[in-house]
Amino acid sequence: MDTRVGALSEMTGKGTHTTTTARLFHFPGGGELIDSPGIREFGLGHVSRADVEAGFIEFQDLLGHCRFRDCKHDREPGCALLRALEEGRVQPQRMASYRHIISGLQEPDY
């Protein structure tokens, strides 16, 4: 892949713009990435909690096994995801990523 990579801004710690045209990358192991100029983030208004959970494949065997049907996987007793996190079956950075994405969803879906 021939892509330009810029240094992080010393002021903000965020990336600097290097993209000049939109480009779609296809990854050999599956998945795609769109690199678009000027886009730093996008909203997830159309995504449900179930959609997000489906993207975390290591959660699939755990979902539906929590003590409470409406478990938020945060502090609830009997949470299968929290137990898997404690046991090392779910990586802390993946759980942090999940929580970050979920926090951006609209309330009715969460």
PDB file of N, CA and C in Angstrom:
ATOM      1  N   MET A   1       0.838  -1.162   0.000  1.00  0.00           N
ATOM      2  CA  MET A   1       0.000   0.000   0.000  1.00  0.00           C
ATOM      3  C   MET A   1       0.895   1.241   0.000  1.00  0.00           C
ATOM      4  N   ASP A   2       0.669   2.112  -0.930  1.00  0.00           N
ATOM      5  CA  ASP A   2       1.474   3.321  -1.046  1.00  0.00           C
ATOM      6  C   ASP A   2       0.663   4.495  -0.509  1.00  0.00           C
ATOM      7  N   THR A   3       0.853   4.823   0.781  1.00  0.00           N
ATOM      8  CA  THR A   3       0.113   5.912   1.395  1.00  0.00           C
ATOM      9  C   THR A   3       1.061   6.848   2.128  1.00  0.00           C
ATOM     10  N   ARG A   4       0.698   8.105   2.149  1.00  0.00           N
ATOM     11  CA  ARG A   4       1.470   9.088   2.909  1.00  0.00           C
ATOM     12  C   ARG A   4       1.000   9.083   4.347  1.00  0.00           C
ATOM     13  N   VAL A   5       1.916   9.246   5.256  1.00  0.00           N
ATOM     14  CA  VAL A   5       1.607   9.321   6.674  1.00  0.00           C
ATOM     15  C   VAL A   5       2.249  10.579   7.221  1.00  0.00           C
ATOM     16  N   GLY A   6       1.443  11.416   7.884  1.00  0.00           N
ATOM     17  CA  GLY A   6       1.972  12.656   8.437  1.00  0.00           C
ATOM     18  C   GLY A   6       2.256  12.523   9.922  1.00  0.00           C
ATOM     19  N   ALA A   7       3.042  13.443  10.415  1.00  0.00           N
ATOM     20  CA  ALA A   7       3.361  13.471  11.845  1.00  0.00           C
ATOM     21  C   ALA A   7       2.149  13.960  12.639  1.00  0.00           C
ATOM     22  N   LEU A   8       2.117  13.599  13.922  1.00  0.00           N
ATOM     23  CA  LEU A   8       1.065  14.106  14.798  1.00  0.00           C
ATOM     24  C   LEU A   8       1.357  15.559  15.135  1.00  0.00           C
ATOM     25  N   SER A   9       0.312  16.326  15.287  1.00  0.00           N
ATOM     26  CA  SER A   9       0.457  17.719  15.689  1.00  0.00           C
ATOM     27  C   SER A   9       0.963  17.782  17.126  1.00  0.00           C
ATOM     28  N   GLU A  10       1.998  18.560  17.352  1.00  0.00           N
ATOM     29  CA  GLU A  10       2.513  18.710  18.718  1.00  0.00           C
ATOM     30  C   GLU A  10       1.511  19.440  19.599  1.00  0.00           C
ATOM     31  N   MET A  11       0.684  20.290  19.001  1.00  0.00           N
ATOM     32  CA  MET A  11      -0.291  21.083  19.749  1.00  0.00           C
ATOM     33  C   MET A  11      -1.484  20.243  20.206  1.00  0.00           C
ATOM     34  N   THR A  12      -2.028  19.429  19.301  1.00  0.00           N
ATOM     35  CA  THR A  12      -3.254  18.682  19.620  1.00  0.00           C
ATOM     36  C   THR A  12      -3.016  17.198  19.857  1.00  0.00           C
ATOM     37  N   GLY A  13      -1.910  16.657  19.364  1.00  0.00           N
ATOM     38  CA  GLY A  13      -1.659  15.223  19.465  1.00  0.00           C
ATOM     39  C   GLY A  13      -2.440  14.423  18.440  1.00  0.00           C
ATOM     40  N   LYS A  14      -3.122  15.109  17.518  1.00  0.00           N
ATOM     41  CA  LYS A  14      -3.900  14.450  16.470  1.00  0.00           C
ATOM     42  C   LYS A  14      -3.121  14.457  15.168  1.00  0.00           C
ATOM     43  N   GLY A  15      -3.582  13.621  14.246  1.00  0.00           N
ATOM     44  CA  GLY A  15      -2.927  13.536  12.949  1.00  0.00           C
ATOM     45  C   GLY A  15      -3.096  14.801  12.137  1.00  0.00           C
ATOM     46  N   THR A  16      -2.170  15.005  11.214  1.00  0.00           N
ATOM     47  CA  THR A  16      -2.255  16.142  10.298  1.00  0.00           C
ATOM     48  C   THR A  16      -2.735  15.629   8.949  1.00  0.00           C
ATOM     49  N   HIS A  17      -3.344  16.515   8.176  1.00  0.00           N
ATOM     50  CA  HIS A  17      -3.920  16.107   6.889  1.00  0.00           C
ATOM     51  C   HIS A  17      -2.834  15.807   5.856  1.00  0.00           C
ATOM     52  N   THR A  18      -2.908  14.622   5.267  1.00  0.00           N
ATOM     53  CA  THR A  18      -2.019  14.269   4.162  1.00  0.00           C
ATOM     54  C   THR A  18      -2.830  13.805   2.956  1.00  0.00           C
ATOM     55  N   THR A  19      -4.090  13.460   3.179  1.00  0.00           N
ATOM     56  CA  THR A  19      -4.950  12.942   2.117  1.00  0.00           C
ATOM     57  C   THR A  19      -5.436  14.075   1.230  1.00  0.00           C
ATOM     58  N   THR A  20      -5.340  13.871  -0.085  1.00  0.00           N
ATOM     59  CA  THR A  20      -5.812  14.894  -1.021  1.00  0.00           C
ATOM     60  C   THR A  20      -7.014  14.423  -1.829  1.00  0.00           C
ATOM     61  N   THR A  21      -7.228  13.110  -1.937  1.00  0.00           N
ATOM     62  CA  THR A  21      -8.394  12.563  -2.630  1.00  0.00           C
ATOM     63  C   THR A  21      -8.908  11.367  -1.837  1.00  0.00           C
ATOM     64  N   ALA A  22     -10.186  11.089  -1.968  1.00  0.00           N
ATOM     65  CA  ALA A  22     -10.767   9.931  -1.284  1.00  0.00           C
ATOM     66  C   ALA A  22     -10.247   8.646  -1.925  1.00  0.00           C
ATOM     67  N   ARG A  23      -9.983   7.651  -1.081  1.00  0.00           N
ATOM     68  CA  ARG A  23      -9.449   6.388  -1.581  1.00  0.00           C
ATOM     69  C   ARG A  23      -9.998   5.242  -0.748  1.00  0.00           C
ATOM     70  N   LEU A  24     -10.359   4.139  -1.408  1.00  0.00           N
ATOM     71  CA  LEU A  24     -10.883   2.949  -0.742  1.00  0.00           C
ATOM     72  C   LEU A  24      -9.803   1.872  -0.743  1.00  0.00           C
ATOM     73  N   PHE A  25      -9.501   1.344   0.436  1.00  0.00           N
ATOM     74  CA  PHE A  25      -8.523   0.271   0.572  1.00  0.00           C
ATOM     75  C   PHE A  25      -9.253  -1.020   0.921  1.00  0.00           C
ATOM     76  N   HIS A  26      -8.901  -2.106   0.249  1.00  0.00           N
ATOM     77  CA  HIS A  26      -9.435  -3.440   0.544  1.00  0.00           C
ATOM     78  C   HIS A  26      -8.322  -4.232   1.223  1.00  0.00           C
ATOM     79  N   PHE A  27      -8.596  -4.789   2.382  1.00  0.00           N
ATOM     80  CA  PHE A  27      -7.596  -5.548   3.121  1.00  0.00           C
ATOM     81  C   PHE A  27      -7.665  -7.023   2.758  1.00  0.00           C
ATOM     82  N   PRO A  28      -6.528  -7.673   2.574  1.00  0.00           N
ATOM     83  CA  PRO A  28      -6.491  -9.080   2.160  1.00  0.00           C
ATOM     84  C   PRO A  28      -7.240 -10.006   3.121  1.00  0.00           C
ATOM     85  N   GLY A  29      -7.212  -9.696   4.414  1.00  0.00           N
ATOM     86  CA  GLY A  29      -7.899 -10.537   5.393  1.00  0.00           C
ATOM     87  C   GLY A  29      -9.357 -10.180   5.578  1.00  0.00           C
ATOM     88  N   GLY A  30      -9.857  -9.256   4.782  1.00  0.00           N
ATOM     89  CA  GLY A  30     -11.245  -8.818   4.889  1.00  0.00           C
ATOM     90  C   GLY A  30     -11.326  -7.419   5.466  1.00  0.00           C
ATOM     91  N   GLY A  31     -12.333  -6.700   5.087  1.00  0.00           N
ATOM     92  CA  GLY A  31     -12.561  -5.355   5.575  1.00  0.00           C
ATOM     93  C   GLY A  31     -12.071  -4.300   4.611  1.00  0.00           C
ATOM     94  N   GLU A  32     -12.607  -3.119   4.764  1.00  0.00           N
ATOM     95  CA  GLU A  32     -12.249  -1.999   3.913  1.00  0.00           C
ATOM     96  C   GLU A  32     -12.010  -0.767   4.783  1.00  0.00           C
ATOM     97  N   LEU A  33     -11.289   0.193   4.216  1.00  0.00           N
ATOM     98  CA  LEU A  33     -11.027   1.462   4.878  1.00  0.00           C
ATOM     99  C   LEU A  33     -11.139   2.561   3.845  1.00  0.00           C
ATOM    100  N   ILE A  34     -11.893   3.606   4.159  1.00  0.00           N
ATOM    101  CA  ILE A  34     -11.987   4.767   3.286  1.00  0.00           C
ATOM    102  C   ILE A  34     -11.147   5.873   3.902  1.00  0.00           C
ATOM    103  N   ASP A  35     -10.184   6.373   3.134  1.00  0.00           N
ATOM    104  CA  ASP A  35      -9.377   7.505   3.552  1.00  0.00           C
ATOM    105  C   ASP A  35      -9.907   8.705   2.785  1.00  0.00           C
ATOM    106  N   SER A  36     -10.460   9.653   3.509  1.00  0.00           N
ATOM    107  CA  SER A  36     -11.111  10.789   2.882  1.00  0.00           C
ATOM    108  C   SER A  36     -10.528  12.089   3.425  1.00  0.00           C
ATOM    109  N   PRO A  37     -10.212  13.052   2.545  1.00  0.00           N
ATOM    110  CA  PRO A  37      -9.609  14.300   3.021  1.00  0.00           C
ATOM    111  C   PRO A  37     -10.563  15.097   3.909  1.00  0.00           C
ATOM    112  N   GLY A  38     -10.019  15.586   5.011  1.00  0.00           N
ATOM    113  CA  GLY A  38     -10.784  16.479   5.867  1.00  0.00           C
ATOM    114  C   GLY A  38     -11.761  15.815   6.810  1.00  0.00           C
ATOM    115  N   ILE A  39     -11.866  14.500   6.821  1.00  0.00           N
ATOM    116  CA  ILE A  39     -12.792  13.811   7.719  1.00  0.00           C
ATOM    117  C   ILE A  39     -12.007  13.295   8.913  1.00  0.00           C
ATOM    118  N   ARG A  40     -12.289  13.845  10.081  1.00  0.00           N
ATOM    119  CA  ARG A  40     -11.597  13.422  11.286  1.00  0.00           C
ATOM    120  C   ARG A  40     -12.444  12.413  12.066  1.00  0.00           C
ATOM    121  N   GLU A  41     -13.768  12.520  11.970  1.00  0.00           N
ATOM    122  CA  GLU A  41     -14.641  11.590  12.667  1.00  0.00           C
ATOM    123  C   GLU A  41     -15.993  11.578  11.985  1.00  0.00           C
ATOM    124  N   PHE A  42     -16.814  10.589  12.330  1.00  0.00           N
ATOM    125  CA  PHE A  42     -18.161  10.511  11.782  1.00  0.00           C
ATOM    126  C   PHE A  42     -19.094  10.015  12.874  1.00  0.00           C
ATOM    127  N   GLY A  43     -20.380  10.294  12.707  1.00  0.00           N
ATOM    128  CA  GLY A  43     -21.372   9.909  13.705  1.00  0.00           C
ATOM    129  C   GLY A  43     -21.899   8.514  13.474  1.00  0.00           C
ATOM    130  N   LEU A  44     -22.452   7.945  14.523  1.00  0.00           N
ATOM    131  CA  LEU A  44     -23.008   6.597  14.456  1.00  0.00           C
ATOM    132  C   LEU A  44     -24.509   6.616  14.738  1.00  0.00           C
ATOM    133  N   GLY A  45     -25.193   7.655  14.283  1.00  0.00           N
ATOM    134  CA  GLY A  45     -26.617   7.810  14.565  1.00  0.00           C
ATOM    135  C   GLY A  45     -27.478   6.682  14.038  1.00  0.00           C
ATOM    136  N   HIS A  46     -27.047   6.001  13.015  1.00  0.00           N
ATOM    137  CA  HIS A  46     -27.825   4.945  12.390  1.00  0.00           C
ATOM    138  C   HIS A  46     -27.457   3.549  12.915  1.00  0.00           C
ATOM    139  N   VAL A  47     -26.530   3.472  13.854  1.00  0.00           N
ATOM    140  CA  VAL A  47     -26.019   2.186  14.333  1.00  0.00           C
ATOM    141  C   VAL A  47     -26.675   1.839  15.668  1.00  0.00           C
ATOM    142  N   SER A  48     -27.087   0.596  15.809  1.00  0.00           N
ATOM    143  CA  SER A  48     -27.690   0.141  17.061  1.00  0.00           C
ATOM    144  C   SER A  48     -26.640  -0.529  17.944  1.00  0.00           C
ATOM    145  N   ARG A  49     -26.990  -0.731  19.177  1.00  0.00           N
ATOM    146  CA  ARG A  49     -26.102  -1.438  20.108  1.00  0.00           C
ATOM    147  C   ARG A  49     -25.801  -2.843  19.584  1.00  0.00           C
ATOM    148  N   ALA A  50     -26.812  -3.515  19.046  1.00  0.00           N
ATOM    149  CA  ALA A  50     -26.621  -4.862  18.493  1.00  0.00           C
ATOM    150  C   ALA A  50     -25.645  -4.840  17.321  1.00  0.00           C
ATOM    151  N   ASP A  51     -25.707  -3.785  16.495  1.00  0.00           N
ATOM    152  CA  ASP A  51     -24.762  -3.649  15.375  1.00  0.00           C
ATOM    153  C   ASP A  51     -23.333  -3.564  15.890  1.00  0.00           C
ATOM    154  N   VAL A  52     -23.137  -2.748  16.932  1.00  0.00           N
ATOM    155  CA  VAL A  52     -21.796  -2.586  17.503  1.00  0.00           C
ATOM    156  C   VAL A  52     -21.325  -3.916  18.088  1.00  0.00           C
ATOM    157  N   GLU A  53     -22.181  -4.573  18.855  1.00  0.00           N
ATOM    158  CA  GLU A  53     -21.816  -5.853  19.477  1.00  0.00           C
ATOM    159  C   GLU A  53     -21.452  -6.900  18.425  1.00  0.00           C
ATOM    160  N   ALA A  54     -22.130  -6.875  17.290  1.00  0.00           N
ATOM    161  CA  ALA A  54     -21.839  -7.834  16.223  1.00  0.00           C
ATOM    162  C   ALA A  54     -20.443  -7.632  15.650  1.00  0.00           C
ATOM    163  N   GLY A  55     -19.922  -6.415  15.760  1.00  0.00           N
ATOM    164  CA  GLY A  55     -18.588  -6.127  15.264  1.00  0.00           C
ATOM    165  C   GLY A  55     -17.472  -6.608  16.182  1.00  0.00           C
ATOM    166  N   PHE A  56     -17.801  -7.003  17.386  1.00  0.00           N
ATOM    167  CA  PHE A  56     -16.818  -7.507  18.342  1.00  0.00           C
ATOM    168  C   PHE A  56     -16.985  -9.023  18.403  1.00  0.00           C
ATOM    169  N   ILE A  57     -16.318  -9.715  17.489  1.00  0.00           N
ATOM    170  CA  ILE A  57     -16.545 -11.151  17.331  1.00  0.00           C
ATOM    171  C   ILE A  57     -16.218 -11.956  18.587  1.00  0.00           C
ATOM    172  N   GLU A  58     -15.307 -11.446  19.414  1.00  0.00           N
ATOM    173  CA  GLU A  58     -14.984 -12.174  20.632  1.00  0.00           C
ATOM    174  C   GLU A  58     -16.109 -12.105  21.664  1.00  0.00           C
ATOM    175  N   PHE A  59     -17.103 -11.253  21.443  1.00  0.00           N
ATOM    176  CA  PHE A  59     -18.252 -11.146  22.347  1.00  0.00           C
ATOM    177  C   PHE A  59     -19.356 -12.146  22.001  1.00  0.00           C
ATOM    178  N   GLN A  60     -19.354 -12.684  20.791  1.00  0.00           N
ATOM    179  CA  GLN A  60     -20.495 -13.444  20.285  1.00  0.00           C
ATOM    180  C   GLN A  60     -20.924 -14.604  21.179  1.00  0.00           C
ATOM    181  N   ASP A  61     -19.985 -15.379  21.702  1.00  0.00           N
ATOM    182  CA  ASP A  61     -20.347 -16.507  22.568  1.00  0.00           C
ATOM    183  C   ASP A  61     -20.749 -16.060  23.968  1.00  0.00           C
ATOM    184  N   LEU A  62     -20.540 -14.787  24.297  1.00  0.00           N
ATOM    185  CA  LEU A  62     -20.818 -14.262  25.635  1.00  0.00           C
ATOM    186  C   LEU A  62     -22.155 -13.534  25.712  1.00  0.00           C
ATOM    187  N   LEU A  63     -22.543 -12.898  24.616  1.00  0.00           N
ATOM    188  CA  LEU A  63     -23.787 -12.129  24.608  1.00  0.00           C
ATOM    189  C   LEU A  63     -24.975 -13.046  24.873  1.00  0.00           C
ATOM    190  N   GLY A  64     -25.879 -12.568  25.700  1.00  0.00           N
ATOM    191  CA  GLY A  64     -27.048 -13.364  26.065  1.00  0.00           C
ATOM    192  C   GLY A  64     -26.821 -14.254  27.277  1.00  0.00           C
ATOM    193  N   HIS A  65     -25.618 -14.217  27.839  1.00  0.00           N
ATOM    194  CA  HIS A  65     -25.305 -15.049  28.999  1.00  0.00           C
ATOM    195  C   HIS A  65     -25.108 -14.227  30.272  1.00  0.00           C
ATOM    196  N   CYS A  66     -25.487 -12.955  30.236  1.00  0.00           N
ATOM    197  CA  CYS A  66     -25.390 -12.113  31.424  1.00  0.00           C
ATOM    198  C   CYS A  66     -26.590 -12.381  32.329  1.00  0.00           C
ATOM    199  N   ARG A  67     -26.428 -12.060  33.585  1.00  0.00           N
ATOM    200  CA  ARG A  67     -27.496 -12.266  34.565  1.00  0.00           C
ATOM    201  C   ARG A  67     -28.742 -11.458  34.211  1.00  0.00           C
ATOM    202  N   PHE A  68     -28.539 -10.223  33.725  1.00  0.00           N
ATOM    203  CA  PHE A  68     -29.656  -9.356  33.377  1.00  0.00           C
ATOM    204  C   PHE A  68     -29.772  -9.221  31.862  1.00  0.00           C
ATOM    205  N   ARG A  69     -30.988  -9.340  31.369  1.00  0.00           N
ATOM    206  CA  ARG A  69     -31.247  -9.283  29.933  1.00  0.00           C
ATOM    207  C   ARG A  69     -30.824  -7.939  29.332  1.00  0.00           C
ATOM    208  N   ASP A  70     -30.970  -6.842  30.098  1.00  0.00           N
ATOM    209  CA  ASP A  70     -30.625  -5.515  29.606  1.00  0.00           C
ATOM    210  C   ASP A  70     -29.246  -5.061  30.098  1.00  0.00           C
ATOM    211  N   CYS A  71     -28.346  -6.000  30.316  1.00  0.00           N
ATOM    212  CA  CYS A  71     -27.006  -5.713  30.831  1.00  0.00           C
ATOM    213  C   CYS A  71     -26.287  -4.712  29.922  1.00  0.00           C
ATOM    214  N   LYS A  72     -25.683  -3.705  30.523  1.00  0.00           N
ATOM    215  CA  LYS A  72     -24.920  -2.699  29.778  1.00  0.00           C
ATOM    216  C   LYS A  72     -23.443  -3.050  29.717  1.00  0.00           C
ATOM    217  N   HIS A  73     -23.050  -4.142  30.368  1.00  0.00           N
ATOM    218  CA  HIS A  73     -21.658  -4.621  30.376  1.00  0.00           C
ATOM    219  C   HIS A  73     -20.731  -3.561  30.970  1.00  0.00           C
ATOM    220  N   ASP A  74     -21.208  -2.935  32.045  1.00  0.00           N
ATOM    221  CA  ASP A  74     -20.438  -1.870  32.676  1.00  0.00           C
ATOM    222  C   ASP A  74     -20.039  -2.247  34.101  1.00  0.00           C
ATOM    223  N   ARG A  75     -21.040  -2.398  34.992  1.00  0.00           N
ATOM    224  CA  ARG A  75     -20.757  -2.758  36.389  1.00  0.00           C
ATOM    225  C   ARG A  75     -21.742  -3.792  36.922  1.00  0.00           C
ATOM    226  N   GLU A  76     -22.593  -4.291  36.082  1.00  0.00           N
ATOM    227  CA  GLU A  76     -23.660  -5.182  36.530  1.00  0.00           C
ATOM    228  C   GLU A  76     -23.107  -6.507  37.048  1.00  0.00           C
ATOM    229  N   PRO A  77     -23.660  -6.989  38.162  1.00  0.00           N
ATOM    230  CA  PRO A  77     -23.249  -8.313  38.655  1.00  0.00           C
ATOM    231  C   PRO A  77     -23.713  -9.390  37.675  1.00  0.00           C
ATOM    232  N   GLY A  78     -22.907 -10.399  37.504  1.00  0.00           N
ATOM    233  CA  GLY A  78     -23.269 -11.495  36.614  1.00  0.00           C
ATOM    234  C   GLY A  78     -23.096 -11.195  35.143  1.00  0.00           C
ATOM    235  N   CYS A  79     -22.302 -10.182  34.807  1.00  0.00           N
ATOM    236  CA  CYS A  79     -22.074  -9.823  33.403  1.00  0.00           C
ATOM    237  C   CYS A  79     -21.050 -10.784  32.800  1.00  0.00           C
ATOM    238  N   ALA A  80     -21.427 -11.454  31.730  1.00  0.00           N
ATOM    239  CA  ALA A  80     -20.544 -12.422  31.071  1.00  0.00           C
ATOM    240  C   ALA A  80     -19.330 -11.739  30.440  1.00  0.00           C
ATOM    241  N   LEU A  81     -19.506 -10.527  29.908  1.00  0.00           N
ATOM    242  CA  LEU A  81     -18.376  -9.814  29.300  1.00  0.00           C
ATOM    243  C   LEU A  81     -17.360  -9.378  30.355  1.00  0.00           C
ATOM    244  N   LEU A  82     -17.848  -8.889  31.489  1.00  0.00           N
ATOM    245  CA  LEU A  82     -16.934  -8.469  32.553  1.00  0.00           C
ATOM    246  C   LEU A  82     -16.173  -9.663  33.121  1.00  0.00           C
ATOM    247  N   ARG A  83     -16.862 -10.791  33.231  1.00  0.00           N
ATOM    248  CA  ARG A  83     -16.186 -12.007  33.700  1.00  0.00           C
ATOM    249  C   ARG A  83     -15.096 -12.422  32.705  1.00  0.00           C
ATOM    250  N   ALA A  84     -15.402 -12.373  31.416  1.00  0.00           N
ATOM    251  CA  ALA A  84     -14.422 -12.722  30.377  1.00  0.00           C
ATOM    252  C   ALA A  84     -13.253 -11.735  30.378  1.00  0.00           C
ATOM    253  N   LEU A  85     -13.533 -10.476  30.664  1.00  0.00           N
ATOM    254  CA  LEU A  85     -12.480  -9.468  30.766  1.00  0.00           C
ATOM    255  C   LEU A  85     -11.547  -9.808  31.927  1.00  0.00           C
ATOM    256  N   GLU A  86     -12.111 -10.146  33.072  1.00  0.00           N
ATOM    257  CA  GLU A  86     -11.312 -10.528  34.246  1.00  0.00           C
ATOM    258  C   GLU A  86     -10.474 -11.773  33.986  1.00  0.00           C
ATOM    259  N   GLU A  87     -11.015 -12.694  33.203  1.00  0.00           N
ATOM    260  CA  GLU A  87     -10.331 -13.959  32.916  1.00  0.00           C
ATOM    261  C   GLU A  87      -9.344 -13.840  31.756  1.00  0.00           C
ATOM    262  N   GLY A  88      -9.287 -12.680  31.125  1.00  0.00           N
ATOM    263  CA  GLY A  88      -8.352 -12.482  30.025  1.00  0.00           C
ATOM    264  C   GLY A  88      -8.849 -12.986  28.680  1.00  0.00           C
ATOM    265  N   ARG A  89     -10.120 -13.353  28.587  1.00  0.00           N
ATOM    266  CA  ARG A  89     -10.682 -13.823  27.312  1.00  0.00           C
ATOM    267  C   ARG A  89     -11.123 -12.667  26.423  1.00  0.00           C
ATOM    268  N   VAL A  90     -11.272 -11.482  27.016  1.00  0.00           N
ATOM    269  CA  VAL A  90     -11.538 -10.243  26.284  1.00  0.00           C
ATOM    270  C   VAL A  90     -10.421  -9.282  26.668  1.00  0.00           C
ATOM    271  N   GLN A  91      -9.789  -8.695  25.674  1.00  0.00           N
ATOM    272  CA  GLN A  91      -8.676  -7.784  25.915  1.00  0.00           C
ATOM    273  C   GLN A  91      -9.191  -6.429  26.420  1.00  0.00           C
ATOM    274  N   PRO A  92      -8.510  -5.826  27.399  1.00  0.00           N
ATOM    275  CA  PRO A  92      -8.951  -4.539  27.947  1.00  0.00           C
ATOM    276  C   PRO A  92      -9.121  -3.448  26.888  1.00  0.00           C
ATOM    277  N   GLN A  93      -8.232  -3.403  25.900  1.00  0.00           N
ATOM    278  CA  GLN A  93      -8.351  -2.363  24.876  1.00  0.00           C
ATOM    279  C   GLN A  93      -9.582  -2.576  24.002  1.00  0.00           C
ATOM    280  N   ARG A  94      -9.979  -3.831  23.804  1.00  0.00           N
ATOM    281  CA  ARG A  94     -11.195  -4.102  23.031  1.00  0.00           C
ATOM    282  C   ARG A  94     -12.430  -3.680  23.821  1.00  0.00           C
ATOM    283  N   MET A  95     -12.442  -3.947  25.131  1.00  0.00           N
ATOM    284  CA  MET A  95     -13.566  -3.535  25.963  1.00  0.00           C
ATOM    285  C   MET A  95     -13.642  -2.012  26.019  1.00  0.00           C
ATOM    286  N   ALA A  96     -12.492  -1.342  26.108  1.00  0.00           N
ATOM    287  CA  ALA A  96     -12.462   0.123  26.120  1.00  0.00           C
ATOM    288  C   ALA A  96     -12.991   0.676  24.793  1.00  0.00           C
ATOM    289  N   SER A  97     -12.620   0.052  23.692  1.00  0.00           N
ATOM    290  CA  SER A  97     -13.102   0.471  22.383  1.00  0.00           C
ATOM    291  C   SER A  97     -14.609   0.294  22.287  1.00  0.00           C
ATOM    292  N   TYR A  98     -15.102  -0.845  22.745  1.00  0.00           N
ATOM    293  CA  TYR A  98     -16.550  -1.112  22.751  1.00  0.00           C
ATOM    294  C   TYR A  98     -17.278  -0.035  23.556  1.00  0.00           C
ATOM    295  N   ARG A  99     -16.788   0.243  24.751  1.00  0.00           N
ATOM    296  CA  ARG A  99     -17.441   1.230  25.612  1.00  0.00           C
ATOM    297  C   ARG A  99     -17.410   2.619  24.981  1.00  0.00           C
ATOM    298  N   HIS A 100     -16.311   2.960  24.328  1.00  0.00           N
ATOM    299  CA  HIS A 100     -16.209   4.264  23.674  1.00  0.00           C
ATOM    300  C   HIS A 100     -17.242   4.385  22.547  1.00  0.00           C
ATOM    301  N   ILE A 101     -17.373   3.358  21.746  1.00  0.00           N
ATOM    302  CA  ILE A 101     -18.341   3.383  20.645  1.00  0.00           C
ATOM    303  C   ILE A 101     -19.757   3.453  21.190  1.00  0.00           C
ATOM    304  N   ILE A 102     -20.061   2.633  22.179  1.00  0.00           N
ATOM    305  CA  ILE A 102     -21.403   2.606  22.764  1.00  0.00           C
ATOM    306  C   ILE A 102     -21.763   3.967  23.365  1.00  0.00           C
ATOM    307  N   SER A 103     -20.790   4.640  23.961  1.00  0.00           N
ATOM    308  CA  SER A 103     -21.067   5.943  24.584  1.00  0.00           C
ATOM    309  C   SER A 103     -21.489   6.988  23.554  1.00  0.00           C
ATOM    310  N   GLY A 104     -21.162   6.769  22.289  1.00  0.00           N
ATOM    311  CA  GLY A 104     -21.534   7.702  21.242  1.00  0.00           C
ATOM    312  C   GLY A 104     -22.878   7.418  20.599  1.00  0.00           C
ATOM    313  N   LEU A 105     -23.529   6.332  21.003  1.00  0.00           N
ATOM    314  CA  LEU A 105     -24.843   5.999  20.427  1.00  0.00           C
ATOM    315  C   LEU A 105     -25.932   6.831  21.071  1.00  0.00           C
ATOM    316  N   GLN A 106     -27.030   6.990  20.333  1.00  0.00           N
ATOM    317  CA  GLN A 106     -28.174   7.692  20.878  1.00  0.00           C
ATOM    318  C   GLN A 106     -28.807   6.840  21.976  1.00  0.00           C
ATOM    319  N   GLU A 107     -29.335   7.463  22.992  1.00  0.00           N
ATOM    320  CA  GLU A 107     -29.873   6.783  24.167  1.00  0.00           C
ATOM    321  C   GLU A 107     -30.879   5.661  23.870  1.00  0.00           C
ATOM    322  N   PRO A 108     -31.854   5.821  22.970  1.00  0.00           N
ATOM    323  CA  PRO A 108     -32.831   4.741  22.774  1.00  0.00           C
ATOM    324  C   PRO A 108     -32.194   3.409  22.353  1.00  0.00           C
ATOM    325  N   ASP A 109     -31.043   3.463  21.665  1.00  0.00           N
ATOM    326  CA  ASP A 109     -30.393   2.242  21.216  1.00  0.00           C
ATOM    327  C   ASP A 109     -29.490   1.652  22.297  1.00  0.00           C
ATOM    328  N   TYR A 110     -29.251   2.402  23.353  1.00  0.00           N
ATOM    329  CA  TYR A 110     -28.362   1.919  24.401  1.00  0.00           C
ATOM    330  C   TYR A 110     -29.175   1.661  25.628  1.00  0.00           C
TER     331      TYR A 110
END
